[in-house]
Amino acid sequence: MTGVSRFGERDAPDWTYRKTEGLSDAELVAQRFTHLLSARPSVPGFVRESEVYGFSRFRAQLSSWPPLRLVTEPQVYVHCAAGPVEPNAPDE
């Protein structure tokens, strides 16, 4: 997910951006995230809100001009917590 971390560089007092990868499903829930950006179409404990399409491959289409077409597929999924999320304690 190239470039996704750039949006988290802005100073925002009311939210925190964290780019932690490789968390298990249980760890995702334990982190008390309100939203996730993921390459996975479904994540237990979260509801998919939207998807972002990106390049997947080229497809030959010889009956038209140009003879190549770009094929896009969902690449990034936006998920929201399935229920209320209690904020982390200040010392966590």
N, C-alpha and C. Protein backbone atom coordinates (compact mmCIF):
# COMPACT_ATOMS: atom_id res chain seq x y z
N MET A 1 0.84 -1.18 0.00
CA MET A 1 0.00 0.00 0.00
C MET A 1 0.89 1.24 0.00
N THR A 2 1.51 1.49 -1.09
CA THR A 2 2.44 2.59 -1.23
C THR A 2 1.75 3.93 -1.00
N GLY A 3 2.36 4.77 -0.21
CA GLY A 3 1.89 6.13 -0.01
C GLY A 3 0.83 6.32 1.06
N VAL A 4 0.25 5.24 1.56
CA VAL A 4 -0.82 5.37 2.55
C VAL A 4 -0.31 6.04 3.81
N SER A 5 0.94 5.76 4.20
CA SER A 5 1.45 6.33 5.44
C SER A 5 1.66 7.84 5.36
N ARG A 6 1.74 8.42 4.18
CA ARG A 6 1.97 9.87 4.05
C ARG A 6 0.83 10.68 4.68
N PHE A 7 -0.41 10.19 4.57
CA PHE A 7 -1.50 10.99 5.10
C PHE A 7 -1.46 11.06 6.63
N GLY A 8 -0.76 10.13 7.28
CA GLY A 8 -0.65 10.14 8.72
C GLY A 8 0.42 11.06 9.26
N GLU A 9 1.14 11.73 8.39
CA GLU A 9 2.21 12.62 8.83
C GLU A 9 1.69 13.98 9.33
N ARG A 10 0.45 14.30 9.03
CA ARG A 10 -0.12 15.56 9.46
C ARG A 10 -0.39 15.52 10.97
N ASP A 11 -0.27 16.64 11.60
CA ASP A 11 -0.51 16.73 13.04
C ASP A 11 -2.01 16.86 13.28
N ALA A 12 -2.62 15.83 13.83
CA ALA A 12 -4.06 15.83 14.09
C ALA A 12 -4.29 15.45 15.55
N PRO A 13 -4.80 16.38 16.36
CA PRO A 13 -4.96 16.11 17.79
C PRO A 13 -6.06 15.12 18.15
N ASP A 14 -7.05 14.91 17.28
CA ASP A 14 -8.19 14.08 17.66
C ASP A 14 -8.14 12.65 17.11
N TRP A 15 -7.05 12.28 16.46
CA TRP A 15 -6.92 10.90 16.01
C TRP A 15 -5.45 10.51 15.92
N THR A 16 -5.23 9.20 15.88
CA THR A 16 -3.87 8.67 15.81
C THR A 16 -3.79 7.71 14.64
N TYR A 17 -2.75 7.84 13.85
CA TYR A 17 -2.51 6.94 12.73
C TYR A 17 -1.40 5.97 13.12
N ARG A 18 -1.60 4.69 12.87
CA ARG A 18 -0.59 3.70 13.19
C ARG A 18 -0.46 2.74 12.01
N LYS A 19 0.75 2.55 11.55
CA LYS A 19 0.99 1.63 10.42
C LYS A 19 1.66 0.37 10.95
N THR A 20 0.88 -0.43 11.64
CA THR A 20 1.37 -1.70 12.18
C THR A 20 0.88 -2.80 11.26
N GLU A 21 1.79 -3.64 10.81
CA GLU A 21 1.43 -4.71 9.90
C GLU A 21 1.59 -6.07 10.56
N GLY A 22 0.90 -7.06 10.02
CA GLY A 22 1.07 -8.42 10.47
C GLY A 22 0.34 -8.77 11.76
N LEU A 23 -0.64 -7.97 12.16
CA LEU A 23 -1.39 -8.27 13.38
C LEU A 23 -2.40 -9.38 13.12
N SER A 24 -2.59 -10.25 14.10
CA SER A 24 -3.62 -11.29 13.99
C SER A 24 -4.99 -10.64 14.16
N ASP A 25 -6.04 -11.39 13.85
CA ASP A 25 -7.40 -10.86 14.02
C ASP A 25 -7.65 -10.46 15.48
N ALA A 26 -7.19 -11.27 16.42
CA ALA A 26 -7.38 -10.96 17.85
C ALA A 26 -6.63 -9.69 18.23
N GLU A 27 -5.42 -9.51 17.68
CA GLU A 27 -4.64 -8.30 17.99
C GLU A 27 -5.29 -7.05 17.40
N LEU A 28 -5.92 -7.17 16.24
CA LEU A 28 -6.61 -6.02 15.65
C LEU A 28 -7.75 -5.55 16.56
N VAL A 29 -8.52 -6.49 17.07
CA VAL A 29 -9.62 -6.15 17.99
C VAL A 29 -9.07 -5.58 19.29
N ALA A 30 -8.00 -6.19 19.81
CA ALA A 30 -7.41 -5.74 21.08
C ALA A 30 -6.84 -4.33 20.98
N GLN A 31 -6.40 -3.92 19.80
CA GLN A 31 -5.83 -2.57 19.62
C GLN A 31 -6.91 -1.49 19.67
N ARG A 32 -8.17 -1.88 19.59
CA ARG A 32 -9.31 -0.96 19.66
C ARG A 32 -9.29 0.08 18.55
N PHE A 33 -8.95 -0.36 17.35
CA PHE A 33 -9.00 0.54 16.20
C PHE A 33 -10.45 0.85 15.85
N THR A 34 -10.71 2.08 15.46
CA THR A 34 -12.05 2.43 14.98
C THR A 34 -12.16 2.19 13.48
N HIS A 35 -11.03 2.33 12.76
CA HIS A 35 -10.99 2.13 11.31
C HIS A 35 -9.71 1.40 10.91
N LEU A 36 -9.79 0.64 9.83
CA LEU A 36 -8.63 -0.05 9.28
C LEU A 36 -8.55 0.19 7.78
N LEU A 37 -7.34 0.30 7.26
CA LEU A 37 -7.06 0.22 5.83
C LEU A 37 -6.36 -1.11 5.65
N SER A 38 -6.89 -1.97 4.80
CA SER A 38 -6.35 -3.32 4.70
C SER A 38 -6.42 -3.82 3.26
N ALA A 39 -5.57 -4.79 2.95
CA ALA A 39 -5.63 -5.48 1.67
C ALA A 39 -6.63 -6.63 1.72
N ARG A 40 -7.16 -6.91 2.91
CA ARG A 40 -8.12 -8.00 3.09
C ARG A 40 -9.55 -7.50 2.92
N PRO A 41 -10.38 -8.21 2.15
CA PRO A 41 -11.75 -7.75 1.95
C PRO A 41 -12.64 -7.89 3.19
N SER A 42 -12.29 -8.77 4.12
CA SER A 42 -13.06 -8.87 5.36
C SER A 42 -12.10 -9.10 6.52
N VAL A 43 -12.45 -8.49 7.65
CA VAL A 43 -11.66 -8.61 8.88
C VAL A 43 -12.65 -8.85 10.01
N PRO A 44 -12.52 -9.96 10.76
CA PRO A 44 -13.44 -10.22 11.87
C PRO A 44 -13.45 -9.06 12.87
N GLY A 45 -14.65 -8.65 13.28
CA GLY A 45 -14.81 -7.55 14.22
C GLY A 45 -14.94 -6.19 13.55
N PHE A 46 -14.89 -6.18 12.21
CA PHE A 46 -14.98 -4.93 11.46
C PHE A 46 -15.94 -5.09 10.29
N VAL A 47 -16.54 -3.98 9.88
CA VAL A 47 -17.46 -3.96 8.75
C VAL A 47 -16.79 -3.18 7.62
N ARG A 48 -16.81 -3.74 6.42
CA ARG A 48 -16.21 -3.04 5.28
C ARG A 48 -17.08 -1.86 4.88
N GLU A 49 -16.48 -0.67 4.83
CA GLU A 49 -17.20 0.54 4.45
C GLU A 49 -17.04 0.87 2.98
N SER A 50 -15.85 0.64 2.45
CA SER A 50 -15.62 0.95 1.04
C SER A 50 -14.38 0.23 0.56
N GLU A 51 -14.14 0.36 -0.72
CA GLU A 51 -12.97 -0.25 -1.34
C GLU A 51 -12.40 0.71 -2.37
N VAL A 52 -11.09 0.61 -2.56
CA VAL A 52 -10.40 1.47 -3.51
C VAL A 52 -9.82 0.59 -4.61
N TYR A 53 -10.20 0.90 -5.84
CA TYR A 53 -9.73 0.11 -6.98
C TYR A 53 -8.36 0.59 -7.44
N GLY A 54 -7.57 -0.36 -7.91
CA GLY A 54 -6.25 -0.07 -8.44
C GLY A 54 -5.90 -1.05 -9.54
N PHE A 55 -4.76 -0.82 -10.18
CA PHE A 55 -4.31 -1.64 -11.29
C PHE A 55 -4.16 -3.09 -10.88
N SER A 56 -4.65 -3.99 -11.74
CA SER A 56 -4.50 -5.42 -11.52
C SER A 56 -3.65 -6.05 -12.63
N ARG A 57 -4.04 -5.77 -13.88
CA ARG A 57 -3.33 -6.37 -15.02
C ARG A 57 -3.78 -5.69 -16.31
N PHE A 58 -3.10 -6.05 -17.41
CA PHE A 58 -3.53 -5.66 -18.75
C PHE A 58 -4.33 -6.80 -19.36
N ARG A 59 -5.30 -6.44 -20.21
CA ARG A 59 -6.07 -7.45 -20.92
C ARG A 59 -6.04 -7.11 -22.41
N ALA A 60 -5.74 -8.09 -23.23
CA ALA A 60 -5.75 -7.88 -24.67
C ALA A 60 -7.19 -7.83 -25.16
N GLN A 61 -7.48 -6.82 -25.98
CA GLN A 61 -8.81 -6.68 -26.56
C GLN A 61 -8.58 -6.26 -28.02
N LEU A 62 -8.29 -7.23 -28.84
CA LEU A 62 -7.85 -6.97 -30.20
C LEU A 62 -8.93 -6.40 -31.11
N SER A 63 -10.17 -6.44 -30.70
CA SER A 63 -11.26 -5.92 -31.54
C SER A 63 -11.44 -4.41 -31.41
N SER A 64 -10.65 -3.77 -30.56
CA SER A 64 -10.80 -2.32 -30.38
C SER A 64 -9.43 -1.65 -30.36
N TRP A 65 -9.46 -0.34 -30.37
CA TRP A 65 -8.21 0.44 -30.31
C TRP A 65 -8.25 1.31 -29.07
N PRO A 66 -7.26 1.38 -28.27
CA PRO A 66 -6.04 0.58 -28.29
C PRO A 66 -6.34 -0.88 -27.92
N PRO A 67 -5.47 -1.79 -28.37
CA PRO A 67 -5.75 -3.23 -28.18
C PRO A 67 -5.52 -3.74 -26.76
N LEU A 68 -5.03 -2.90 -25.88
CA LEU A 68 -4.83 -3.30 -24.48
C LEU A 68 -5.75 -2.51 -23.57
N ARG A 69 -6.29 -3.15 -22.58
CA ARG A 69 -7.15 -2.51 -21.58
C ARG A 69 -6.55 -2.73 -20.20
N LEU A 70 -6.69 -1.73 -19.36
CA LEU A 70 -6.29 -1.88 -17.96
C LEU A 70 -7.43 -2.55 -17.21
N VAL A 71 -7.11 -3.51 -16.40
CA VAL A 71 -8.09 -4.17 -15.55
C VAL A 71 -7.82 -3.72 -14.12
N THR A 72 -8.86 -3.23 -13.45
CA THR A 72 -8.71 -2.80 -12.06
C THR A 72 -9.50 -3.74 -11.16
N GLU A 73 -9.03 -3.85 -9.94
CA GLU A 73 -9.70 -4.65 -8.90
C GLU A 73 -9.53 -3.93 -7.58
N PRO A 74 -10.37 -4.26 -6.59
CA PRO A 74 -10.16 -3.67 -5.27
C PRO A 74 -8.77 -3.99 -4.74
N GLN A 75 -8.07 -2.99 -4.27
CA GLN A 75 -6.71 -3.16 -3.75
C GLN A 75 -6.63 -2.82 -2.26
N VAL A 76 -7.41 -1.84 -1.83
CA VAL A 76 -7.41 -1.40 -0.43
C VAL A 76 -8.86 -1.35 0.04
N TYR A 77 -9.09 -1.88 1.22
CA TYR A 77 -10.43 -1.89 1.81
C TYR A 77 -10.43 -1.02 3.06
N VAL A 78 -11.51 -0.25 3.24
CA VAL A 78 -11.68 0.58 4.42
C VAL A 78 -12.70 -0.12 5.31
N HIS A 79 -12.30 -0.42 6.55
CA HIS A 79 -13.16 -1.11 7.50
C HIS A 79 -13.43 -0.22 8.70
N CYS A 80 -14.61 -0.38 9.28
CA CYS A 80 -15.00 0.33 10.50
C CYS A 80 -15.30 -0.71 11.57
N ALA A 81 -14.98 -0.39 12.82
CA ALA A 81 -15.25 -1.32 13.92
C ALA A 81 -16.73 -1.69 13.92
N ALA A 82 -17.04 -2.96 14.17
CA ALA A 82 -18.41 -3.45 14.12
C ALA A 82 -19.26 -2.96 15.29
N GLY A 83 -18.63 -2.55 16.38
CA GLY A 83 -19.37 -2.08 17.54
C GLY A 83 -18.65 -0.90 18.16
N PRO A 84 -19.15 -0.42 19.30
CA PRO A 84 -18.50 0.71 19.98
C PRO A 84 -17.07 0.35 20.39
N VAL A 85 -16.20 1.33 20.31
CA VAL A 85 -14.79 1.13 20.66
C VAL A 85 -14.46 2.04 21.83
N GLU A 86 -14.03 1.42 22.93
CA GLU A 86 -13.60 2.19 24.10
C GLU A 86 -12.19 2.72 23.85
N PRO A 87 -11.92 3.99 24.16
CA PRO A 87 -10.58 4.51 23.94
C PRO A 87 -9.54 3.85 24.84
N ASN A 88 -8.31 3.81 24.36
CA ASN A 88 -7.21 3.28 25.18
C ASN A 88 -6.95 4.19 26.35
N ALA A 89 -6.51 3.61 27.44
CA ALA A 89 -6.10 4.41 28.60
C ALA A 89 -4.87 5.23 28.24
N PRO A 90 -4.65 6.41 28.84
CA PRO A 90 -3.52 7.27 28.48
C PRO A 90 -2.15 6.61 28.59
N ASP A 91 -1.98 5.63 29.49
CA ASP A 91 -0.66 5.02 29.67
C ASP A 91 -0.42 3.84 28.75
N GLU A 92 -1.39 3.47 27.88
CA GLU A 92 -1.21 2.33 26.98
C GLU A 92 -0.45 2.75 25.75
